């Protein structure tokens, strides 16, 4: 699921904002949170997945 969404964002050149994010907590102010969709060419993406039991993966995808 997540890697497909990442590939679609790379293909369309649109970063999807975080749904229902209206205010960012002060502790998280140093991170660039997307509140809405942003058009941007994406050449490189990192997808992290963390699961119970220590089954964790990180996948780097490079476009053209």
Protein backbone atom coordinates (compact mmCIF):
# COMPACT_ATOMS: atom_id res chain seq x y z
CA UNK A 1 0.00 0.00 0.00
CA UNK A 2 2.44 2.69 1.10
CA UNK A 3 5.01 2.04 -1.63
CA UNK A 4 2.26 2.19 -4.27
CA UNK A 5 1.17 5.60 -2.93
CA UNK A 6 4.81 6.74 -2.99
CA UNK A 7 5.24 5.60 -6.60
CA UNK A 8 2.00 7.36 -7.61
CA UNK A 9 3.20 10.60 -5.98
CA UNK A 10 6.49 10.30 -7.88
CA UNK A 11 4.64 9.61 -11.13
CA UNK A 12 2.20 12.52 -10.76
CA UNK A 13 4.65 15.00 -9.23
CA UNK A 14 2.32 15.73 -6.31
CA UNK A 15 3.11 15.29 -2.61
CA UNK A 16 -0.05 14.41 -0.69
CA UNK A 17 -0.53 16.41 2.51
CA UNK A 18 -1.42 14.88 5.87
CA UNK A 19 -5.18 14.54 6.09
CA UNK A 20 -6.89 16.52 8.89
CA UNK A 21 -3.65 18.18 10.05
CA UNK A 22 -4.60 21.70 11.07
CA UNK A 23 -2.12 22.62 13.81
CA UNK A 24 1.38 21.28 14.36
CA UNK A 25 2.42 20.81 18.00
CA UNK A 26 5.29 23.01 19.21
CA UNK A 27 7.47 19.91 19.76
CA UNK A 28 7.15 19.08 16.04
CA UNK A 29 7.68 22.61 14.70
CA UNK A 30 11.10 21.80 13.18
CA UNK A 31 9.61 19.32 10.70
CA UNK A 32 8.14 20.49 7.38
CA UNK A 33 4.63 19.00 7.64
CA UNK A 34 2.45 19.15 4.53
CA UNK A 35 -1.04 20.35 5.39
CA UNK A 36 -2.17 20.30 1.76
CA UNK A 37 -1.05 18.79 -1.54
CA UNK A 38 2.05 20.31 -3.16
CA UNK A 39 3.17 20.01 -6.78
CA UNK A 40 6.82 18.99 -6.83
CA UNK A 41 8.94 16.78 -9.03
CA UNK A 42 10.13 13.85 -6.94
CA UNK A 43 13.29 11.98 -7.99
CA UNK A 44 14.04 10.08 -4.80
CA UNK A 45 11.81 8.71 -2.06
CA UNK A 46 12.28 6.75 1.15
CA UNK A 47 9.51 4.50 2.43
CA UNK A 48 9.84 3.15 5.99
CA UNK A 49 7.64 0.40 7.38
CA UNK A 50 7.71 -0.74 11.00
CA UNK A 51 5.76 -3.76 12.22
CA UNK A 52 5.28 -5.75 15.39
CA UNK A 53 7.83 -8.46 15.97
CA UNK A 54 10.75 -6.53 14.50
CA UNK A 55 9.81 -6.95 10.85
CA UNK A 56 11.00 -3.54 9.64
CA UNK A 57 11.92 -2.41 6.13
CA UNK A 58 13.20 0.70 4.40
CA UNK A 59 12.95 1.03 0.64
CA UNK A 60 14.60 3.76 -1.43
CA UNK A 61 13.05 4.42 -4.85
CA UNK A 62 14.82 6.47 -7.51
CA UNK A 63 13.04 7.90 -10.54
CA UNK A 64 14.31 9.28 -13.83
